[in-house]
PDB file of N, CA and C in Angstrom:
ATOM      1  N   UNK A   1       0.835  -1.174   0.000  1.00  0.00           N
ATOM      2  CA  UNK A   1       0.000   0.000   0.000  1.00  0.00           C
ATOM      3  C   UNK A   1       0.886   1.246   0.000  1.00  0.00           C
ATOM      4  N   UNK A   2       0.311   2.279  -0.540  1.00  0.00           N
ATOM      5  CA  UNK A   2       1.017   3.560  -0.564  1.00  0.00           C
ATOM      6  C   UNK A   2       0.076   4.650  -0.047  1.00  0.00           C
ATOM      7  N   UNK A   3       0.663   5.752   0.387  1.00  0.00           N
ATOM      8  CA  UNK A   3      -0.155   6.886   0.844  1.00  0.00           C
ATOM      9  C   UNK A   3      -0.631   7.679  -0.371  1.00  0.00           C
ATOM     10  N   UNK A   4      -1.400   8.743  -0.157  1.00  0.00           N
ATOM     11  CA  UNK A   4      -1.960   9.493  -1.297  1.00  0.00           C
ATOM     12  C   UNK A   4      -0.922  10.053  -2.266  1.00  0.00           C
ATOM     13  N   UNK A   5       0.327  10.230  -1.814  1.00  0.00           N
ATOM     14  CA  UNK A   5       1.325  10.756  -2.761  1.00  0.00           C
ATOM     15  C   UNK A   5       2.313   9.688  -3.223  1.00  0.00           C
ATOM     16  N   UNK A   6       1.972   8.415  -2.963  1.00  0.00           N
ATOM     17  CA  UNK A   6       2.759   7.316  -3.511  1.00  0.00           C
ATOM     18  C   UNK A   6       3.883   6.781  -2.648  1.00  0.00           C
ATOM     19  N   UNK A   7       4.013   7.268  -1.418  1.00  0.00           N
ATOM     20  CA  UNK A   7       5.058   6.745  -0.534  1.00  0.00           C
ATOM     21  C   UNK A   7       4.571   5.458   0.120  1.00  0.00           C
ATOM     22  N   UNK A   8       5.466   4.498   0.343  1.00  0.00           N
ATOM     23  CA  UNK A   8       5.052   3.260   1.016  1.00  0.00           C
ATOM     24  C   UNK A   8       4.554   3.558   2.428  1.00  0.00           C
ATOM     25  N   UNK A   9       3.522   2.835   2.833  1.00  0.00           N
ATOM     26  CA  UNK A   9       3.000   2.974   4.190  1.00  0.00           C
ATOM     27  C   UNK A   9       3.766   2.003   5.080  1.00  0.00           C
ATOM     28  N   UNK A  10       4.327   2.523   6.146  1.00  0.00           N
ATOM     29  CA  UNK A  10       5.099   1.698   7.079  1.00  0.00           C
ATOM     30  C   UNK A  10       4.153   0.804   7.869  1.00  0.00           C
ATOM     31  N   UNK A  11       4.537  -0.441   8.155  1.00  0.00           N
ATOM     32  CA  UNK A  11       3.659  -1.372   8.878  1.00  0.00           C
ATOM     33  C   UNK A  11       3.152  -0.839  10.218  1.00  0.00           C
ATOM     34  N   UNK A  12       3.968  -0.043  10.911  1.00  0.00           N
ATOM     35  CA  UNK A  12       3.532   0.481  12.212  1.00  0.00           C
ATOM     36  C   UNK A  12       2.296   1.361  12.100  1.00  0.00           C
ATOM     37  N   UNK A  13       2.081   1.948  10.937  1.00  0.00           N
ATOM     38  CA  UNK A  13       0.900   2.802  10.739  1.00  0.00           C
ATOM     39  C   UNK A  13      -0.368   1.986  10.974  1.00  0.00           C
ATOM     40  N   UNK A  14      -0.393   0.752  10.468  1.00  0.00           N
ATOM     41  CA  UNK A  14      -1.571  -0.097  10.635  1.00  0.00           C
ATOM     42  C   UNK A  14      -1.772  -0.468  12.100  1.00  0.00           C
ATOM     43  N   UNK A  15      -0.683  -0.803  12.776  1.00  0.00           N
ATOM     44  CA  UNK A  15      -0.772  -1.130  14.192  1.00  0.00           C
ATOM     45  C   UNK A  15      -1.258   0.044  15.020  1.00  0.00           C
ATOM     46  N   UNK A  16      -0.746   1.227  14.732  1.00  0.00           N
ATOM     47  CA  UNK A  16      -1.171   2.431  15.447  1.00  0.00           C
ATOM     48  C   UNK A  16      -2.651   2.720  15.197  1.00  0.00           C
ATOM     49  N   UNK A  17      -3.081   2.564  13.952  1.00  0.00           N
ATOM     50  CA  UNK A  17      -4.476   2.798  13.607  1.00  0.00           C
ATOM     51  C   UNK A  17      -5.371   1.789  14.343  1.00  0.00           C
ATOM     52  N   UNK A  18      -4.943   0.531  14.356  1.00  0.00           N
ATOM     53  CA  UNK A  18      -5.697  -0.508  15.057  1.00  0.00           C
ATOM     54  C   UNK A  18      -5.818  -0.170  16.540  1.00  0.00           C
ATOM     55  N   UNK A  19      -4.720   0.289  17.152  1.00  0.00           N
ATOM     56  CA  UNK A  19      -4.746   0.625  18.579  1.00  0.00           C
ATOM     57  C   UNK A  19      -5.737   1.758  18.856  1.00  0.00           C
ATOM     58  N   UNK A  20      -5.765   2.758  18.001  1.00  0.00           N
ATOM     59  CA  UNK A  20      -6.698   3.870  18.199  1.00  0.00           C
ATOM     60  C   UNK A  20      -8.155   3.400  18.103  1.00  0.00           C
ATOM     61  N   UNK A  21      -8.441   2.567  17.122  1.00  0.00           N
ATOM     62  CA  UNK A  21      -9.804   2.070  16.931  1.00  0.00           C
ATOM     63  C   UNK A  21     -10.208   1.167  18.091  1.00  0.00           C
ATOM     64  N   UNK A  22      -9.307   0.267  18.499  1.00  0.00           N
ATOM     65  CA  UNK A  22      -9.600  -0.642  19.613  1.00  0.00           C
ATOM     66  C   UNK A  22      -9.834   0.131  20.902  1.00  0.00           C
ATOM     67  N   UNK A  23      -9.008   1.132  21.153  1.00  0.00           N
ATOM     68  CA  UNK A  23      -9.162   1.951  22.365  1.00  0.00           C
ATOM     69  C   UNK A  23     -10.497   2.682  22.352  1.00  0.00           C
ATOM     70  N   UNK A  24     -10.850   3.261  21.211  1.00  0.00           N
ATOM     71  CA  UNK A  24     -12.122   3.974  21.093  1.00  0.00           C
ATOM     72  C   UNK A  24     -13.312   3.037  21.309  1.00  0.00           C
ATOM     73  N   UNK A  25     -13.138   1.762  20.971  1.00  0.00           N
ATOM     74  CA  UNK A  25     -14.202   0.770  21.148  1.00  0.00           C
ATOM     75  C   UNK A  25     -14.206   0.181  22.551  1.00  0.00           C
ATOM     76  N   UNK A  26     -13.225   0.588  23.380  1.00  0.00           N
ATOM     77  CA  UNK A  26     -13.153   0.079  24.746  1.00  0.00           C
ATOM     78  C   UNK A  26     -12.581  -1.317  24.855  1.00  0.00           C
ATOM     79  N   UNK A  27     -11.847  -1.748  23.844  1.00  0.00           N
ATOM     80  CA  UNK A  27     -11.253  -3.085  23.856  1.00  0.00           C
ATOM     81  C   UNK A  27      -9.902  -3.073  24.557  1.00  0.00           C
ATOM     82  N   UNK A  28      -9.505  -4.220  25.114  1.00  0.00           N
ATOM     83  CA  UNK A  28      -8.182  -4.281  25.739  1.00  0.00           C
ATOM     84  C   UNK A  28      -7.087  -4.160  24.683  1.00  0.00           C
ATOM     85  N   UNK A  29      -5.922  -3.745  25.116  1.00  0.00           N
ATOM     86  CA  UNK A  29      -4.800  -3.557  24.193  1.00  0.00           C
ATOM     87  C   UNK A  29      -4.210  -4.910  23.813  1.00  0.00           C
ATOM     88  N   UNK A  30      -4.229  -5.206  22.524  1.00  0.00           N
ATOM     89  CA  UNK A  30      -3.525  -6.362  21.974  1.00  0.00           C
ATOM     90  C   UNK A  30      -2.851  -5.906  20.686  1.00  0.00           C
ATOM     91  N   UNK A  31      -1.867  -6.673  20.270  1.00  0.00           N
ATOM     92  CA  UNK A  31      -1.175  -6.335  19.022  1.00  0.00           C
ATOM     93  C   UNK A  31      -2.025  -6.759  17.828  1.00  0.00           C
ATOM     94  N   UNK A  32      -1.933  -6.014  16.763  1.00  0.00           N
ATOM     95  CA  UNK A  32      -2.626  -6.377  15.532  1.00  0.00           C
ATOM     96  C   UNK A  32      -2.187  -7.769  15.077  1.00  0.00           C
ATOM     97  N   UNK A  33      -0.935  -8.104  15.267  1.00  0.00           N
ATOM     98  CA  UNK A  33      -0.423  -9.418  14.896  1.00  0.00           C
ATOM     99  C   UNK A  33      -1.135 -10.529  15.670  1.00  0.00           C
ATOM    100  N   UNK A  34      -1.518 -10.247  16.921  1.00  0.00           N
ATOM    101  CA  UNK A  34      -2.242 -11.241  17.714  1.00  0.00           C
ATOM    102  C   UNK A  34      -3.631 -11.508  17.123  1.00  0.00           C
ATOM    103  N   UNK A  35      -4.235 -10.493  16.541  1.00  0.00           N
ATOM    104  CA  UNK A  35      -5.531 -10.674  15.881  1.00  0.00           C
ATOM    105  C   UNK A  35      -5.367 -11.639  14.705  1.00  0.00           C
ATOM    106  N   UNK A  36      -4.286 -11.501  13.990  1.00  0.00           N
ATOM    107  CA  UNK A  36      -3.985 -12.380  12.854  1.00  0.00           C
ATOM    108  C   UNK A  36      -3.901 -13.839  13.307  1.00  0.00           C
ATOM    109  N   UNK A  37      -3.201 -14.068  14.423  1.00  0.00           N
ATOM    110  CA  UNK A  37      -3.084 -15.430  14.962  1.00  0.00           C
ATOM    111  C   UNK A  37      -4.453 -15.956  15.403  1.00  0.00           C
ATOM    112  N   UNK A  38      -5.239 -15.099  16.017  1.00  0.00           N
ATOM    113  CA  UNK A  38      -6.570 -15.511  16.465  1.00  0.00           C
ATOM    114  C   UNK A  38      -7.438 -15.909  15.279  1.00  0.00           C
ATOM    115  N   UNK A  39      -7.400 -15.122  14.224  1.00  0.00           N
ATOM    116  CA  UNK A  39      -8.183 -15.429  13.020  1.00  0.00           C
ATOM    117  C   UNK A  39      -7.775 -16.790  12.463  1.00  0.00           C
ATOM    118  N   UNK A  40      -6.484 -17.036  12.327  1.00  0.00           N
ATOM    119  CA  UNK A  40      -6.005 -18.315  11.783  1.00  0.00           C
ATOM    120  C   UNK A  40      -6.453 -19.476  12.653  1.00  0.00           C
ATOM    121  N   UNK A  41      -6.297 -19.338  13.959  1.00  0.00           N
ATOM    122  CA  UNK A  41      -6.669 -20.409  14.880  1.00  0.00           C
ATOM    123  C   UNK A  41      -8.167 -20.696  14.813  1.00  0.00           C
ATOM    124  N   UNK A  42      -8.993 -19.652  14.849  1.00  0.00           N
ATOM    125  CA  UNK A  42     -10.446 -19.852  14.809  1.00  0.00           C
ATOM    126  C   UNK A  42     -10.901 -20.492  13.501  1.00  0.00           C
ATOM    127  N   UNK A  43     -10.347 -20.050  12.385  1.00  0.00           N
ATOM    128  CA  UNK A  43     -10.738 -20.631  11.097  1.00  0.00           C
ATOM    129  C   UNK A  43     -10.357 -22.100  11.019  1.00  0.00           C
ATOM    130  N   UNK A  44      -9.156 -22.440  11.438  1.00  0.00           N
ATOM    131  CA  UNK A  44      -8.723 -23.839  11.414  1.00  0.00           C
ATOM    132  C   UNK A  44      -9.586 -24.697  12.340  1.00  0.00           C
ATOM    133  N   UNK A  45      -9.881 -24.192  13.530  1.00  0.00           N
ATOM    134  CA  UNK A  45     -10.693 -24.951  14.482  1.00  0.00           C
ATOM    135  C   UNK A  45     -12.115 -25.159  13.984  1.00  0.00           C
ATOM    136  N   UNK A  46     -12.569 -24.317  13.091  1.00  0.00           N
ATOM    137  CA  UNK A  46     -13.916 -24.446  12.560  1.00  0.00           C
ATOM    138  C   UNK A  46     -13.955 -25.217  11.240  1.00  0.00           C
ATOM    139  N   UNK A  47     -12.823 -25.822  10.901  1.00  0.00           N
ATOM    140  CA  UNK A  47     -12.799 -26.721   9.761  1.00  0.00           C
ATOM    141  C   UNK A  47     -12.539 -26.081   8.412  1.00  0.00           C
ATOM    142  N   UNK A  48     -12.139 -24.817   8.396  1.00  0.00           N
ATOM    143  CA  UNK A  48     -11.795 -24.198   7.117  1.00  0.00           C
ATOM    144  C   UNK A  48     -10.499 -24.839   6.614  1.00  0.00           C
ATOM    145  N   UNK A  49     -10.461 -25.180   5.365  1.00  0.00           N
ATOM    146  CA  UNK A  49      -9.303 -25.874   4.793  1.00  0.00           C
ATOM    147  C   UNK A  49      -8.032 -25.057   4.981  1.00  0.00           C
ATOM    148  N   UNK A  50      -6.951 -25.718   5.422  1.00  0.00           N
ATOM    149  CA  UNK A  50      -5.689 -25.007   5.628  1.00  0.00           C
ATOM    150  C   UNK A  50      -5.217 -24.217   4.418  1.00  0.00           C
ATOM    151  N   UNK A  51      -5.464 -24.710   3.222  1.00  0.00           N
ATOM    152  CA  UNK A  51      -5.024 -23.983   2.030  1.00  0.00           C
ATOM    153  C   UNK A  51      -5.778 -22.660   1.904  1.00  0.00           C
ATOM    154  N   UNK A  52      -7.033 -22.628   2.344  1.00  0.00           N
ATOM    155  CA  UNK A  52      -7.817 -21.391   2.307  1.00  0.00           C
ATOM    156  C   UNK A  52      -7.302 -20.407   3.356  1.00  0.00           C
ATOM    157  N   UNK A  53      -7.086 -20.901   4.584  1.00  0.00           N
ATOM    158  CA  UNK A  53      -6.568 -20.044   5.657  1.00  0.00           C
ATOM    159  C   UNK A  53      -5.190 -19.507   5.275  1.00  0.00           C
ATOM    160  N   UNK A  54      -4.353 -20.358   4.711  1.00  0.00           N
ATOM    161  CA  UNK A  54      -3.023 -19.929   4.280  1.00  0.00           C
ATOM    162  C   UNK A  54      -3.131 -18.810   3.250  1.00  0.00           C
ATOM    163  N   UNK A  55      -4.062 -18.936   2.325  1.00  0.00           N
ATOM    164  CA  UNK A  55      -4.253 -17.899   1.317  1.00  0.00           C
ATOM    165  C   UNK A  55      -4.686 -16.574   1.921  1.00  0.00           C
ATOM    166  N   UNK A  56      -5.564 -16.632   2.915  1.00  0.00           N
ATOM    167  CA  UNK A  56      -6.017 -15.410   3.583  1.00  0.00           C
ATOM    168  C   UNK A  56      -4.844 -14.712   4.264  1.00  0.00           C
ATOM    169  N   UNK A  57      -3.979 -15.507   4.910  1.00  0.00           N
ATOM    170  CA  UNK A  57      -2.858 -14.940   5.660  1.00  0.00           C
ATOM    171  C   UNK A  57      -1.637 -14.633   4.787  1.00  0.00           C
ATOM    172  N   UNK A  58      -1.640 -15.140   3.572  1.00  0.00           N
ATOM    173  CA  UNK A  58      -0.478 -14.934   2.711  1.00  0.00           C
ATOM    174  C   UNK A  58       0.670 -15.880   3.024  1.00  0.00           C
ATOM    175  N   UNK A  59       0.335 -17.027   3.622  1.00  0.00           N
ATOM    176  CA  UNK A  59       1.328 -18.060   3.936  1.00  0.00           C
ATOM    177  C   UNK A  59       1.226 -19.182   2.916  1.00  0.00           C
ATOM    178  N   UNK A  60       2.254 -20.020   2.875  1.00  0.00           N
ATOM    179  CA  UNK A  60       2.112 -21.290   2.179  1.00  0.00           C
ATOM    180  C   UNK A  60       1.401 -22.230   3.160  1.00  0.00           C
ATOM    181  N   UNK A  61       0.691 -23.237   2.660  1.00  0.00           N
ATOM    182  CA  UNK A  61       0.055 -24.189   3.579  1.00  0.00           C
ATOM    183  C   UNK A  61       1.061 -24.846   4.528  1.00  0.00           C
ATOM    184  N   UNK A  62       2.275 -25.104   4.070  1.00  0.00           N
ATOM    185  CA  UNK A  62       3.285 -25.732   4.929  1.00  0.00           C
ATOM    186  C   UNK A  62       3.640 -24.837   6.109  1.00  0.00           C
ATOM    187  N   UNK A  63       3.831 -23.551   5.855  1.00  0.00           N
ATOM    188  CA  UNK A  63       4.141 -22.604   6.934  1.00  0.00           C
ATOM    189  C   UNK A  63       2.952 -22.504   7.874  1.00  0.00           C
ATOM    190  N   UNK A  64       1.757 -22.414   7.323  1.00  0.00           N
ATOM    191  CA  UNK A  64       0.564 -22.317   8.149  1.00  0.00           C
ATOM    192  C   UNK A  64       0.454 -23.507   9.092  1.00  0.00           C
ATOM    193  N   UNK A  65       0.604 -24.710   8.566  1.00  0.00           N
ATOM    194  CA  UNK A  65       0.426 -25.901   9.386  1.00  0.00           C
ATOM    195  C   UNK A  65       1.539 -26.055  10.416  1.00  0.00           C
ATOM    196  N   UNK A  66       2.720 -25.586  10.102  1.00  0.00           N
ATOM    197  CA  UNK A  66       3.805 -25.616  11.086  1.00  0.00           C
ATOM    198  C   UNK A  66       3.531 -24.620  12.203  1.00  0.00           C
ATOM    199  N   UNK A  67       3.075 -23.449  11.852  1.00  0.00           N
ATOM    200  CA  UNK A  67       2.846 -22.377  12.823  1.00  0.00           C
ATOM    201  C   UNK A  67       1.609 -22.629  13.673  1.00  0.00           C
ATOM    202  N   UNK A  68       0.561 -23.188  13.071  1.00  0.00           N
ATOM    203  CA  UNK A  68      -0.720 -23.304  13.755  1.00  0.00           C
ATOM    204  C   UNK A  68      -1.124 -24.748  14.044  1.00  0.00           C
ATOM    205  N   UNK A  69      -0.183 -25.651  14.129  1.00  0.00           N
ATOM    206  CA  UNK A  69      -0.505 -27.054  14.417  1.00  0.00           C
ATOM    207  C   UNK A  69      -1.276 -27.185  15.719  1.00  0.00           C
ATOM    208  N   UNK A  70      -1.025 -26.289  16.673  1.00  0.00           N
ATOM    209  CA  UNK A  70      -1.731 -26.334  17.954  1.00  0.00           C
ATOM    210  C   UNK A  70      -3.241 -26.161  17.795  1.00  0.00           C
ATOM    211  N   UNK A  71      -3.663 -25.565  16.703  1.00  0.00           N
ATOM    212  CA  UNK A  71      -5.082 -25.318  16.483  1.00  0.00           C
ATOM    213  C   UNK A  71      -5.817 -26.576  16.031  1.00  0.00           C
ATOM    214  N   UNK A  72      -5.077 -27.614  15.724  1.00  0.00           N
ATOM    215  CA  UNK A  72      -5.676 -28.844  15.202  1.00  0.00           C
ATOM    216  C   UNK A  72      -5.307 -30.065  16.054  1.00  0.00           C
ATOM    217  N   UNK A  73      -5.446 -30.000  17.384  1.00  0.00           N
ATOM    218  CA  UNK A  73      -4.985 -31.101  18.221  1.00  0.00           C
ATOM    219  C   UNK A  73      -5.745 -32.400  17.996  1.00  0.00           C
ATOM    220  N   UNK A  74      -6.989 -32.325  17.566  1.00  0.00           N
ATOM    221  CA  UNK A  74      -7.801 -33.528  17.379  1.00  0.00           C
ATOM    222  C   UNK A  74      -7.890 -33.960  15.922  1.00  0.00           C
ATOM    223  N   UNK A  75      -7.091 -33.359  15.062  1.00  0.00           N
ATOM    224  CA  UNK A  75      -7.212 -33.615  13.627  1.00  0.00           C
ATOM    225  C   UNK A  75      -6.972 -35.077  13.279  1.00  0.00           C
ATOM    226  N   UNK A  76      -5.972 -35.706  13.885  1.00  0.00           N
ATOM    227  CA  UNK A  76      -5.693 -37.119  13.573  1.00  0.00           C
ATOM    228  C   UNK A  76      -6.862 -37.999  14.014  1.00  0.00           C
ATOM    229  N   UNK A  77      -7.355 -37.761  15.228  1.00  0.00           N
ATOM    230  CA  UNK A  77      -8.476 -38.558  15.726  1.00  0.00           C
ATOM    231  C   UNK A  77      -9.702 -38.349  14.838  1.00  0.00           C
ATOM    232  N   UNK A  78      -9.969 -37.114  14.468  1.00  0.00           N
ATOM    233  CA  UNK A  78     -11.113 -36.819  13.610  1.00  0.00           C
ATOM    234  C   UNK A  78     -10.986 -37.522  12.262  1.00  0.00           C
ATOM    235  N   UNK A  79      -9.785 -37.513  11.713  1.00  0.00           N
ATOM    236  CA  UNK A  79      -9.557 -38.165  10.420  1.00  0.00           C
ATOM    237  C   UNK A  79      -9.796 -39.669  10.520  1.00  0.00           C
ATOM    238  N   UNK A  80      -9.320 -40.286  11.594  1.00  0.00           N
ATOM    239  CA  UNK A  80      -9.531 -41.724  11.787  1.00  0.00           C
ATOM    240  C   UNK A  80     -11.017 -42.017  11.971  1.00  0.00           C
ATOM    241  N   UNK A  81     -11.719 -41.173  12.713  1.00  0.00           N
ATOM    242  CA  UNK A  81     -13.163 -41.365  12.898  1.00  0.00           C
ATOM    243  C   UNK A  81     -13.900 -41.304  11.569  1.00  0.00           C
ATOM    244  N   UNK A  82     -13.542 -40.354  10.727  1.00  0.00           N
ATOM    245  CA  UNK A  82     -14.180 -40.238   9.414  1.00  0.00           C
ATOM    246  C   UNK A  82     -13.887 -41.465   8.570  1.00  0.00           C
ATOM    247  N   UNK A  83     -12.628 -41.867   8.548  1.00  0.00           N
ATOM    248  CA  UNK A  83     -12.245 -43.036   7.763  1.00  0.00           C
ATOM    249  C   UNK A  83     -12.933 -44.286   8.290  1.00  0.00           C
ATOM    250  N   UNK A  84     -12.991 -44.436   9.590  1.00  0.00           N
ATOM    251  CA  UNK A  84     -13.637 -45.594  10.206  1.00  0.00           C
ATOM    252  C   UNK A  84     -15.106 -45.658   9.814  1.00  0.00           C
ATOM    253  N   UNK A  85     -15.777 -44.516   9.866  1.00  0.00           N
ATOM    254  CA  UNK A  85     -17.186 -44.477   9.481  1.00  0.00           C
ATOM    255  C   UNK A  85     -17.392 -44.783   8.014  1.00  0.00           C
ATOM    256  N   UNK A  86     -16.438 -44.430   7.199  1.00  0.00           N
ATOM    257  CA  UNK A  86     -16.534 -44.684   5.759  1.00  0.00           C
ATOM    258  C   UNK A  86     -16.351 -46.158   5.445  1.00  0.00           C
ATOM    259  N   UNK A  87     -15.481 -46.811   6.206  1.00  0.00           N
ATOM    260  CA  UNK A  87     -15.149 -48.204   5.924  1.00  0.00           C
ATOM    261  C   UNK A  87     -16.095 -49.206   6.576  1.00  0.00           C
ATOM    262  N   UNK A  88     -16.860 -48.796   7.572  1.00  0.00           N
ATOM    263  CA  UNK A  88     -17.798 -49.715   8.230  1.00  0.00           C
ATOM    264  C   UNK A  88     -18.951 -50.030   7.296  1.00  0.00           C
ATOM    265  N   UNK A  89     -19.355 -51.318   7.288  1.00  0.00           N
ATOM    266  CA  UNK A  89     -20.523 -51.663   6.466  1.00  0.00           C
ATOM    267  C   UNK A  89     -21.770 -50.989   7.063  1.00  0.00           C
ATOM    268  N   UNK A  90     -22.599 -50.474   6.219  1.00  0.00           N
ATOM    269  CA  UNK A  90     -23.832 -49.845   6.679  1.00  0.00           C
ATOM    270  C   UNK A  90     -24.915 -50.914   6.799  1.00  0.00           C
ATOM    271  N   UNK A  91     -25.662 -50.872   7.885  1.00  0.00           N
ATOM    272  CA  UNK A  91     -26.710 -51.865   8.065  1.00  0.00           C
ATOM    273  C   UNK A  91     -28.080 -51.253   7.920  1.00  0.00           C
TER     274      UNK A  91
END
């Protein structure tokens, strides 16, 4: 992004703007980067495909899954449950 006269906008500008808006809304002080982590964690926990979450954050899926593996603690069990249900004969 650039400002109205074409100069690059420094990343701190976004953080400062976020802090002003959050303060005006009466929210506790957190870093804008923490909001990013919260968004990734919530989306993954709600079953949004990692490739989609990675695209939103601008990560590769590999980086996303390495960084946010904690958000998927039951993923292996869930996968086995799905596979088990698929392989069981239906009566």
